[in-house]
Amino acid sequence: MSHASFSPRSFVARRIMAFGVFACMSVAGIVGMAIVANAHNGVDHSKQGSMPRDDHEAHSGHTMPESASADIPEHEKPFLAKNAAAMDKMMADMNVAPTGDIDRDFVVMMVPHHQGAIDMCAAYLPYAGNTQLKRLCQEIIVTQQQEIVAMYLAIGAELPPSAPASTR
């Protein structure tokens, strides 16, 4: 690599992006495993065939059956409700119509994905018992916010108004 092409700014940006991708993959993996582990909740979906379902419930998959919620300790229910709300919002916001501008469409879908990670961490932090996971969530909040800004700047879009995010 020639020294003329090395830019500390681009190096930092690449490191931030690499960490952000790792953090997203880690959170997505953990959440994905939890979703897969709990997806069926003991229900045989093949026998539900023609049962009408609420559109939101049918698409989000985050609505918890009454029988499953009875088994959840009371102290965990507020966290699960906030986390489900964050995931539902993220999924709805990522569902965008293509515009023909692949770069812009990518950003419009990725920003809610990143915001979802921020919102899920904000839901977790007040209840966090594990200091390593708490610190990881604090880092996710910071890096995901930075990546949202980087994506908007990359396509020349106006930055959204700033809003503080809880890191506690």
N, C-alpha and C. Protein backbone atom coordinates (compact mmCIF):
# COMPACT_ATOMS: atom_id res chain seq x y z
N MET A 1 0.86 -1.18 0.00
CA MET A 1 0.00 0.00 0.00
C MET A 1 0.89 1.23 0.00
N SER A 2 0.65 2.14 -0.89
CA SER A 2 1.46 3.35 -0.92
C SER A 2 0.96 4.31 0.15
N HIS A 3 1.89 5.06 0.71
CA HIS A 3 1.52 6.01 1.76
C HIS A 3 0.63 7.12 1.23
N ALA A 4 0.72 7.40 -0.06
CA ALA A 4 -0.10 8.47 -0.63
C ALA A 4 -1.58 8.10 -0.62
N SER A 5 -1.90 6.78 -0.73
CA SER A 5 -3.31 6.38 -0.77
C SER A 5 -3.86 6.09 0.62
N PHE A 6 -3.01 6.06 1.63
CA PHE A 6 -3.49 5.78 2.98
C PHE A 6 -4.10 7.03 3.59
N SER A 7 -5.29 6.88 4.08
CA SER A 7 -5.96 7.99 4.74
C SER A 7 -6.40 7.52 6.12
N PRO A 8 -5.94 8.22 7.17
CA PRO A 8 -6.38 7.82 8.51
C PRO A 8 -7.90 7.84 8.62
N ARG A 9 -8.53 8.78 7.94
CA ARG A 9 -9.99 8.88 8.01
C ARG A 9 -10.64 7.64 7.39
N SER A 10 -10.14 7.21 6.22
CA SER A 10 -10.74 6.03 5.60
C SER A 10 -10.43 4.78 6.42
N PHE A 11 -9.26 4.72 7.03
CA PHE A 11 -8.92 3.58 7.88
C PHE A 11 -9.88 3.50 9.06
N VAL A 12 -10.13 4.62 9.71
CA VAL A 12 -11.06 4.66 10.84
C VAL A 12 -12.46 4.29 10.38
N ALA A 13 -12.87 4.82 9.23
CA ALA A 13 -14.20 4.51 8.72
C ALA A 13 -14.33 3.01 8.46
N ARG A 14 -13.29 2.41 7.86
CA ARG A 14 -13.35 0.96 7.61
C ARG A 14 -13.40 0.18 8.91
N ARG A 15 -12.67 0.62 9.91
CA ARG A 15 -12.67 -0.08 11.21
C ARG A 15 -14.03 0.05 11.89
N ILE A 16 -14.62 1.24 11.81
CA ILE A 16 -15.96 1.45 12.39
C ILE A 16 -16.97 0.57 11.67
N MET A 17 -16.90 0.54 10.35
CA MET A 17 -17.84 -0.28 9.58
C MET A 17 -17.65 -1.76 9.90
N ALA A 18 -16.40 -2.21 10.01
CA ALA A 18 -16.14 -3.62 10.31
C ALA A 18 -16.69 -3.98 11.68
N PHE A 19 -16.48 -3.12 12.67
CA PHE A 19 -17.00 -3.39 14.00
C PHE A 19 -18.52 -3.38 13.98
N GLY A 20 -19.10 -2.45 13.26
CA GLY A 20 -20.56 -2.37 13.18
C GLY A 20 -21.17 -3.61 12.56
N VAL A 21 -20.53 -4.10 11.49
CA VAL A 21 -21.02 -5.32 10.84
C VAL A 21 -20.92 -6.48 11.83
N PHE A 22 -19.80 -6.57 12.54
CA PHE A 22 -19.63 -7.63 13.54
C PHE A 22 -20.69 -7.51 14.62
N ALA A 23 -20.93 -6.30 15.11
CA ALA A 23 -21.92 -6.09 16.16
C ALA A 23 -23.32 -6.46 15.67
N CYS A 24 -23.65 -6.02 14.45
CA CYS A 24 -24.97 -6.35 13.89
C CYS A 24 -25.13 -7.85 13.75
N MET A 25 -24.09 -8.49 13.23
CA MET A 25 -24.17 -9.93 13.04
C MET A 25 -24.31 -10.64 14.39
N SER A 26 -23.61 -10.15 15.40
CA SER A 26 -23.69 -10.75 16.72
C SER A 26 -25.09 -10.62 17.29
N VAL A 27 -25.63 -9.41 17.25
CA VAL A 27 -26.98 -9.18 17.78
C VAL A 27 -27.99 -9.96 16.95
N ALA A 28 -27.86 -9.90 15.62
CA ALA A 28 -28.80 -10.62 14.76
C ALA A 28 -28.72 -12.11 15.02
N GLY A 29 -27.52 -12.62 15.23
CA GLY A 29 -27.36 -14.05 15.52
C GLY A 29 -28.01 -14.45 16.82
N ILE A 30 -27.80 -13.65 17.85
CA ILE A 30 -28.40 -13.94 19.16
C ILE A 30 -29.91 -13.85 19.07
N VAL A 31 -30.41 -12.79 18.47
CA VAL A 31 -31.86 -12.62 18.33
C VAL A 31 -32.42 -13.72 17.44
N GLY A 32 -31.73 -14.02 16.35
CA GLY A 32 -32.19 -15.07 15.44
C GLY A 32 -32.28 -16.42 16.13
N MET A 33 -31.27 -16.75 16.95
CA MET A 33 -31.32 -18.02 17.67
C MET A 33 -32.50 -18.04 18.63
N ALA A 34 -32.75 -16.92 19.30
CA ALA A 34 -33.88 -16.86 20.22
C ALA A 34 -35.20 -16.99 19.48
N ILE A 35 -35.30 -16.36 18.31
CA ILE A 35 -36.53 -16.44 17.53
C ILE A 35 -36.75 -17.86 17.04
N VAL A 36 -35.68 -18.48 16.51
CA VAL A 36 -35.82 -19.85 16.01
C VAL A 36 -36.17 -20.79 17.16
N ALA A 37 -35.54 -20.62 18.31
CA ALA A 37 -35.80 -21.48 19.45
C ALA A 37 -37.24 -21.35 19.93
N ASN A 38 -37.82 -20.16 19.79
CA ASN A 38 -39.17 -19.93 20.29
C ASN A 38 -40.22 -19.79 19.20
N ALA A 39 -39.82 -19.98 17.94
CA ALA A 39 -40.72 -19.69 16.82
C ALA A 39 -42.02 -20.46 16.87
N HIS A 40 -41.96 -21.71 17.23
CA HIS A 40 -43.18 -22.51 17.18
C HIS A 40 -43.92 -22.56 18.50
N ASN A 41 -43.27 -22.31 19.60
CA ASN A 41 -43.92 -22.30 20.91
C ASN A 41 -44.83 -23.50 21.10
N GLY A 42 -44.40 -24.65 20.58
CA GLY A 42 -45.17 -25.87 20.75
C GLY A 42 -46.40 -25.95 19.86
N VAL A 43 -46.55 -25.07 18.89
CA VAL A 43 -47.73 -25.05 18.03
C VAL A 43 -47.39 -25.72 16.70
N ASP A 44 -48.24 -26.62 16.25
CA ASP A 44 -48.08 -27.24 14.94
C ASP A 44 -48.75 -26.33 13.92
N HIS A 45 -47.94 -25.51 13.23
CA HIS A 45 -48.47 -24.53 12.29
C HIS A 45 -49.10 -25.16 11.06
N SER A 46 -48.80 -26.41 10.78
CA SER A 46 -49.37 -27.06 9.61
C SER A 46 -50.86 -27.28 9.77
N LYS A 47 -51.36 -27.27 11.00
CA LYS A 47 -52.78 -27.49 11.27
C LYS A 47 -53.56 -26.18 11.38
N GLN A 48 -52.89 -25.04 11.17
CA GLN A 48 -53.58 -23.77 11.30
C GLN A 48 -54.15 -23.29 9.98
N GLY A 49 -53.82 -23.95 8.89
CA GLY A 49 -54.26 -23.68 7.54
C GLY A 49 -55.09 -22.45 7.28
N SER A 50 -56.39 -22.52 7.50
CA SER A 50 -57.28 -21.45 7.07
C SER A 50 -57.69 -20.51 8.19
N MET A 51 -57.04 -20.55 9.31
CA MET A 51 -57.41 -19.65 10.40
C MET A 51 -57.06 -18.22 10.03
N PRO A 52 -58.03 -17.29 10.09
CA PRO A 52 -57.71 -15.89 9.78
C PRO A 52 -56.81 -15.33 10.87
N ARG A 53 -55.86 -14.50 10.45
CA ARG A 53 -54.94 -13.89 11.40
C ARG A 53 -54.84 -12.42 11.12
N ASP A 54 -54.57 -11.66 12.15
CA ASP A 54 -54.33 -10.24 12.02
C ASP A 54 -53.11 -10.06 11.12
N ASP A 55 -53.18 -9.18 10.13
CA ASP A 55 -52.08 -8.96 9.19
C ASP A 55 -50.77 -8.68 9.89
N HIS A 56 -50.79 -7.80 10.90
CA HIS A 56 -49.57 -7.44 11.62
C HIS A 56 -48.97 -8.67 12.27
N GLU A 57 -49.81 -9.46 12.93
CA GLU A 57 -49.33 -10.66 13.61
C GLU A 57 -48.79 -11.67 12.61
N ALA A 58 -49.45 -11.80 11.47
CA ALA A 58 -49.05 -12.77 10.46
C ALA A 58 -47.67 -12.46 9.91
N HIS A 59 -47.34 -11.19 9.77
CA HIS A 59 -46.08 -10.82 9.15
C HIS A 59 -44.95 -10.61 10.13
N SER A 60 -45.25 -10.15 11.33
CA SER A 60 -44.16 -9.82 12.24
C SER A 60 -43.60 -11.04 12.95
N GLY A 61 -44.47 -11.96 13.35
CA GLY A 61 -44.01 -13.13 14.08
C GLY A 61 -43.57 -12.83 15.49
N HIS A 62 -43.79 -11.62 15.96
CA HIS A 62 -43.31 -11.24 17.28
C HIS A 62 -44.40 -11.21 18.34
N THR A 63 -45.62 -11.57 17.95
CA THR A 63 -46.72 -11.60 18.91
C THR A 63 -46.63 -12.90 19.68
N MET A 64 -46.69 -12.82 20.98
CA MET A 64 -46.52 -13.99 21.81
C MET A 64 -47.88 -14.60 22.15
N PRO A 65 -48.04 -15.92 21.97
CA PRO A 65 -49.30 -16.55 22.34
C PRO A 65 -49.56 -16.40 23.83
N GLU A 66 -50.84 -16.32 24.20
CA GLU A 66 -51.23 -16.16 25.61
C GLU A 66 -50.61 -17.25 26.47
N SER A 67 -50.64 -18.51 26.00
CA SER A 67 -50.12 -19.62 26.80
C SER A 67 -48.63 -19.47 27.08
N ALA A 68 -47.87 -18.94 26.11
CA ALA A 68 -46.44 -18.76 26.30
C ALA A 68 -46.15 -17.64 27.28
N SER A 69 -46.97 -16.57 27.25
CA SER A 69 -46.71 -15.44 28.14
C SER A 69 -46.95 -15.80 29.60
N ALA A 70 -47.76 -16.82 29.85
CA ALA A 70 -48.02 -17.24 31.23
C ALA A 70 -46.78 -17.84 31.87
N ASP A 71 -45.87 -18.38 31.05
CA ASP A 71 -44.66 -19.02 31.56
C ASP A 71 -43.51 -18.03 31.77
N ILE A 72 -43.69 -16.79 31.39
CA ILE A 72 -42.62 -15.79 31.47
C ILE A 72 -42.69 -15.09 32.82
N PRO A 73 -41.53 -15.00 33.49
CA PRO A 73 -41.53 -14.28 34.78
C PRO A 73 -41.96 -12.82 34.59
N GLU A 74 -42.68 -12.29 35.55
CA GLU A 74 -43.21 -10.92 35.48
C GLU A 74 -42.11 -9.89 35.21
N HIS A 75 -40.94 -10.05 35.86
CA HIS A 75 -39.88 -9.05 35.70
C HIS A 75 -39.32 -9.00 34.28
N GLU A 76 -39.55 -10.06 33.48
CA GLU A 76 -39.02 -10.09 32.12
C GLU A 76 -40.01 -9.52 31.09
N LYS A 77 -41.28 -9.47 31.43
CA LYS A 77 -42.31 -9.03 30.48
C LYS A 77 -42.10 -7.61 29.95
N PRO A 78 -41.71 -6.63 30.78
CA PRO A 78 -41.50 -5.28 30.21
C PRO A 78 -40.39 -5.25 29.16
N PHE A 79 -39.30 -5.97 29.42
CA PHE A 79 -38.22 -6.03 28.44
C PHE A 79 -38.70 -6.67 27.15
N LEU A 80 -39.38 -7.82 27.26
CA LEU A 80 -39.85 -8.52 26.07
C LEU A 80 -40.83 -7.67 25.26
N ALA A 81 -41.68 -6.92 25.94
CA ALA A 81 -42.63 -6.05 25.24
C ALA A 81 -41.89 -4.95 24.48
N LYS A 82 -40.90 -4.32 25.13
CA LYS A 82 -40.13 -3.26 24.46
C LYS A 82 -39.32 -3.83 23.30
N ASN A 83 -38.74 -4.99 23.49
CA ASN A 83 -37.94 -5.62 22.44
C ASN A 83 -38.82 -6.01 21.25
N ALA A 84 -39.99 -6.58 21.53
CA ALA A 84 -40.91 -6.94 20.44
C ALA A 84 -41.36 -5.70 19.68
N ALA A 85 -41.63 -4.62 20.40
CA ALA A 85 -42.03 -3.37 19.74
C ALA A 85 -40.91 -2.86 18.84
N ALA A 86 -39.67 -2.93 19.31
CA ALA A 86 -38.52 -2.48 18.51
C ALA A 86 -38.38 -3.34 17.25
N MET A 87 -38.54 -4.64 17.40
CA MET A 87 -38.40 -5.53 16.25
C MET A 87 -39.54 -5.33 15.25
N ASP A 88 -40.76 -5.17 15.75
CA ASP A 88 -41.90 -4.93 14.87
C ASP A 88 -41.72 -3.65 14.07
N LYS A 89 -41.26 -2.58 14.75
CA LYS A 89 -41.04 -1.30 14.07
C LYS A 89 -39.95 -1.45 13.01
N MET A 90 -38.87 -2.13 13.38
CA MET A 90 -37.77 -2.33 12.44
C MET A 90 -38.25 -3.08 11.20
N MET A 91 -38.98 -4.16 11.40
CA MET A 91 -39.45 -4.96 10.26
C MET A 91 -40.39 -4.15 9.37
N ALA A 92 -41.28 -3.39 9.98
CA ALA A 92 -42.21 -2.56 9.20
C ALA A 92 -41.45 -1.48 8.43
N ASP A 93 -40.49 -0.83 9.09
CA ASP A 93 -39.75 0.26 8.45
C ASP A 93 -38.80 -0.23 7.35
N MET A 94 -38.38 -1.48 7.41
CA MET A 94 -37.49 -2.02 6.38
C MET A 94 -38.26 -2.42 5.12
N ASN A 95 -39.57 -2.52 5.22
CA ASN A 95 -40.40 -2.92 4.09
C ASN A 95 -40.69 -1.69 3.23
N VAL A 96 -39.81 -1.44 2.27
CA VAL A 96 -39.93 -0.25 1.42
C VAL A 96 -40.05 -0.66 -0.04
N ALA A 97 -40.73 0.16 -0.79
CA ALA A 97 -40.88 -0.08 -2.23
C ALA A 97 -39.60 0.37 -2.94
N PRO A 98 -39.12 -0.44 -3.87
CA PRO A 98 -37.92 -0.05 -4.63
C PRO A 98 -38.16 1.21 -5.45
N THR A 99 -37.12 2.03 -5.56
CA THR A 99 -37.23 3.28 -6.32
C THR A 99 -36.47 3.22 -7.64
N GLY A 100 -35.65 2.19 -7.81
CA GLY A 100 -34.79 2.12 -8.99
C GLY A 100 -33.38 2.61 -8.70
N ASP A 101 -33.19 3.24 -7.56
CA ASP A 101 -31.86 3.69 -7.11
C ASP A 101 -31.39 2.71 -6.04
N ILE A 102 -30.59 1.74 -6.45
CA ILE A 102 -30.18 0.65 -5.56
C ILE A 102 -29.46 1.18 -4.32
N ASP A 103 -28.59 2.16 -4.50
CA ASP A 103 -27.86 2.70 -3.36
C ASP A 103 -28.82 3.31 -2.33
N ARG A 104 -29.72 4.12 -2.81
CA ARG A 104 -30.71 4.77 -1.92
C ARG A 104 -31.62 3.73 -1.28
N ASP A 105 -32.08 2.76 -2.06
CA ASP A 105 -32.95 1.71 -1.52
C ASP A 105 -32.24 0.92 -0.43
N PHE A 106 -30.96 0.64 -0.65
CA PHE A 106 -30.17 -0.08 0.35
C PHE A 106 -30.13 0.70 1.66
N VAL A 107 -29.85 1.99 1.57
CA VAL A 107 -29.77 2.83 2.77
C VAL A 107 -31.13 2.92 3.45
N VAL A 108 -32.18 3.08 2.67
CA VAL A 108 -33.52 3.20 3.24
C VAL A 108 -33.92 1.93 3.98
N MET A 109 -33.41 0.78 3.56
CA MET A 109 -33.69 -0.47 4.27
C MET A 109 -32.72 -0.69 5.43
N MET A 110 -31.47 -0.29 5.27
CA MET A 110 -30.46 -0.54 6.30
C MET A 110 -30.60 0.38 7.51
N VAL A 111 -31.04 1.62 7.30
CA VAL A 111 -31.17 2.54 8.43
C VAL A 111 -32.15 1.99 9.47
N PRO A 112 -33.33 1.51 9.09
CA PRO A 112 -34.22 0.94 10.11
C PRO A 112 -33.62 -0.31 10.77
N HIS A 113 -32.83 -1.06 10.01
CA HIS A 113 -32.15 -2.23 10.58
C HIS A 113 -31.19 -1.79 11.69
N HIS A 114 -30.40 -0.77 11.40
CA HIS A 114 -29.47 -0.24 12.41
C HIS A 114 -30.23 0.39 13.57
N GLN A 115 -31.29 1.14 13.26
CA GLN A 115 -32.09 1.76 14.32
C GLN A 115 -32.74 0.68 15.18
N GLY A 116 -33.12 -0.43 14.56
CA GLY A 116 -33.69 -1.55 15.32
C GLY A 116 -32.70 -2.10 16.33
N ALA A 117 -31.42 -2.22 15.92
CA ALA A 117 -30.39 -2.68 16.86
C ALA A 117 -30.25 -1.69 18.01
N ILE A 118 -30.30 -0.41 17.70
CA ILE A 118 -30.22 0.63 18.74
C ILE A 118 -31.41 0.50 19.69
N ASP A 119 -32.60 0.36 19.13
CA ASP A 119 -33.82 0.28 19.94
C ASP A 119 -33.84 -0.99 20.79
N MET A 120 -33.36 -2.11 20.23
CA MET A 120 -33.31 -3.35 21.00
C MET A 120 -32.32 -3.23 22.15
N CYS A 121 -31.20 -2.57 21.91
CA CYS A 121 -30.24 -2.36 23.00
C CYS A 121 -30.81 -1.42 24.05
N ALA A 122 -31.51 -0.38 23.61
CA ALA A 122 -32.14 0.54 24.57
C ALA A 122 -33.19 -0.18 25.40
N ALA A 123 -33.87 -1.16 24.81
CA ALA A 123 -34.84 -1.95 25.55
C ALA A 123 -34.14 -2.85 26.57
N TYR A 124 -32.99 -3.37 26.21
CA TYR A 124 -32.24 -4.30 27.07
C TYR A 124 -31.51 -3.62 28.23
N LEU A 125 -30.92 -2.47 27.97
CA LEU A 125 -30.02 -1.85 28.96
C LEU A 125 -30.62 -1.63 30.35
N PRO A 126 -31.87 -1.18 30.49
CA PRO A 126 -32.40 -0.98 31.84
C PRO A 126 -32.51 -2.28 32.66
N TYR A 127 -32.51 -3.40 31.97
CA TYR A 127 -32.68 -4.70 32.63
C TYR A 127 -31.39 -5.53 32.63
N ALA A 128 -30.33 -4.99 32.04
CA ALA A 128 -29.08 -5.74 31.84
C ALA A 128 -28.49 -6.22 33.16
N GLY A 129 -28.16 -7.50 33.19
CA GLY A 129 -27.49 -8.06 34.35
C GLY A 129 -26.06 -8.43 34.04
N ASN A 130 -25.77 -8.65 32.78
CA ASN A 130 -24.45 -9.09 32.34
C ASN A 130 -23.66 -7.86 31.89
N THR A 131 -22.56 -7.58 32.57
CA THR A 131 -21.79 -6.37 32.25
C THR A 131 -21.19 -6.41 30.85
N GLN A 132 -20.82 -7.59 30.37
CA GLN A 132 -20.27 -7.69 29.01
C GLN A 132 -21.33 -7.35 27.97
N LEU A 133 -22.54 -7.88 28.15
CA LEU A 133 -23.61 -7.58 27.19
C LEU A 133 -24.03 -6.12 27.30
N LYS A 134 -24.01 -5.58 28.51
CA LYS A 134 -24.35 -4.17 28.68
C LYS A 134 -23.37 -3.29 27.92
N ARG A 135 -22.09 -3.58 28.06
CA ARG A 135 -21.06 -2.81 27.36
C ARG A 135 -21.18 -2.98 25.84
N LEU A 136 -21.47 -4.20 25.40
CA LEU A 136 -21.64 -4.45 23.97
C LEU A 136 -22.81 -3.62 23.43
N CYS A 137 -23.91 -3.58 24.17
CA CYS A 137 -25.06 -2.79 23.72
C CYS A 137 -24.73 -1.30 23.67
N GLN A 138 -23.97 -0.82 24.64
CA GLN A 138 -23.57 0.58 24.61
C GLN A 138 -22.73 0.87 23.37
N GLU A 139 -21.84 -0.05 23.02
CA GLU A 139 -21.02 0.11 21.82
C GLU A 139 -21.87 0.01 20.56
N ILE A 140 -22.84 -0.89 20.56
CA ILE A 140 -23.72 -1.04 19.40
C ILE A 140 -24.47 0.26 19.15
N ILE A 141 -24.97 0.87 20.21
CA ILE A 141 -25.71 2.13 20.06
C ILE A 141 -24.84 3.18 19.39
N VAL A 142 -23.62 3.33 19.88
CA VAL A 142 -22.72 4.34 19.33
C VAL A 142 -22.35 4.03 17.88
N THR A 143 -21.93 2.79 17.61
CA THR A 143 -21.48 2.47 16.25
C THR A 143 -22.63 2.47 15.25
N GLN A 144 -23.80 2.01 15.65
CA GLN A 144 -24.93 2.01 14.72
C GLN A 144 -25.35 3.43 14.38
N GLN A 145 -25.30 4.33 15.35
CA GLN A 145 -25.60 5.74 15.07
C GLN A 145 -24.58 6.31 14.07
N GLN A 146 -23.32 5.98 14.27
CA GLN A 146 -22.27 6.45 13.36
C GLN A 146 -22.48 5.89 11.95
N GLU A 147 -22.87 4.64 11.86
CA GLU A 147 -23.08 4.02 10.56
C GLU A 147 -24.31 4.59 9.84
N ILE A 148 -25.33 4.93 10.59
CA ILE A 148 -26.50 5.57 9.99
C ILE A 148 -26.08 6.88 9.35
N VAL A 149 -25.30 7.68 10.06
CA VAL A 149 -24.81 8.94 9.51
C VAL A 149 -23.95 8.68 8.27
N ALA A 150 -23.06 7.70 8.35
CA ALA A 150 -22.18 7.39 7.21
C ALA A 150 -22.99 6.99 5.98
N MET A 151 -24.07 6.22 6.18
CA MET A 151 -24.89 5.81 5.04
C MET A 151 -25.60 7.00 4.41
N TYR A 152 -26.17 7.87 5.25
CA TYR A 152 -26.83 9.07 4.71
C TYR A 152 -25.84 9.93 3.94
N LEU A 153 -24.65 10.12 4.50
CA LEU A 153 -23.65 10.95 3.83
C LEU A 153 -23.20 10.31 2.52
N ALA A 154 -23.11 8.98 2.48
CA ALA A 154 -22.65 8.28 1.28
C ALA A 154 -23.58 8.50 0.10
N ILE A 155 -24.86 8.69 0.35
CA ILE A 155 -25.79 8.91 -0.76
C ILE A 155 -26.19 10.38 -0.89
N GLY A 156 -25.56 11.24 -0.11
CA GLY A 156 -25.83 12.67 -0.20
C GLY A 156 -27.18 13.07 0.37
N ALA A 157 -27.72 12.26 1.24
CA ALA A 157 -29.03 12.57 1.83
C ALA A 157 -28.86 13.48 3.04
N GLU A 158 -29.90 14.21 3.33
CA GLU A 158 -29.91 15.08 4.49
C GLU A 158 -29.98 14.22 5.75
N LEU A 159 -29.22 14.62 6.76
CA LEU A 159 -29.21 13.86 8.01
C LEU A 159 -30.51 14.13 8.78
N PRO A 160 -31.06 13.09 9.42
CA PRO A 160 -32.24 13.29 10.23
C PRO A 160 -31.87 14.08 11.48
N PRO A 161 -32.84 14.67 12.16
CA PRO A 161 -32.54 15.41 13.38
C PRO A 161 -31.95 14.48 14.44
N SER A 162 -31.05 15.01 15.24
CA SER A 162 -30.40 14.23 16.30
C SER A 162 -31.37 14.00 17.44
N ALA A 163 -31.24 12.82 18.03
CA ALA A 163 -32.01 12.48 19.22
C ALA A 163 -31.12 11.67 20.13
N PRO A 164 -31.13 11.96 21.42
CA PRO A 164 -30.27 11.19 22.32
C PRO A 164 -30.76 9.77 22.46
N ALA A 165 -29.83 8.86 22.61
CA ALA A 165 -30.16 7.45 22.84
C ALA A 165 -29.60 7.06 24.21
N SER A 166 -30.38 6.32 24.94
CA SER A 166 -29.94 5.86 26.25
C SER A 166 -28.83 4.85 26.10
N THR A 167 -27.76 5.01 26.84
CA THR A 167 -26.68 4.02 26.85
C THR A 167 -26.51 3.46 28.25
N ARG A 168 -27.53 3.57 29.06
CA ARG A 168 -27.46 3.03 30.42
C ARG A 168 -28.31 1.83 30.59
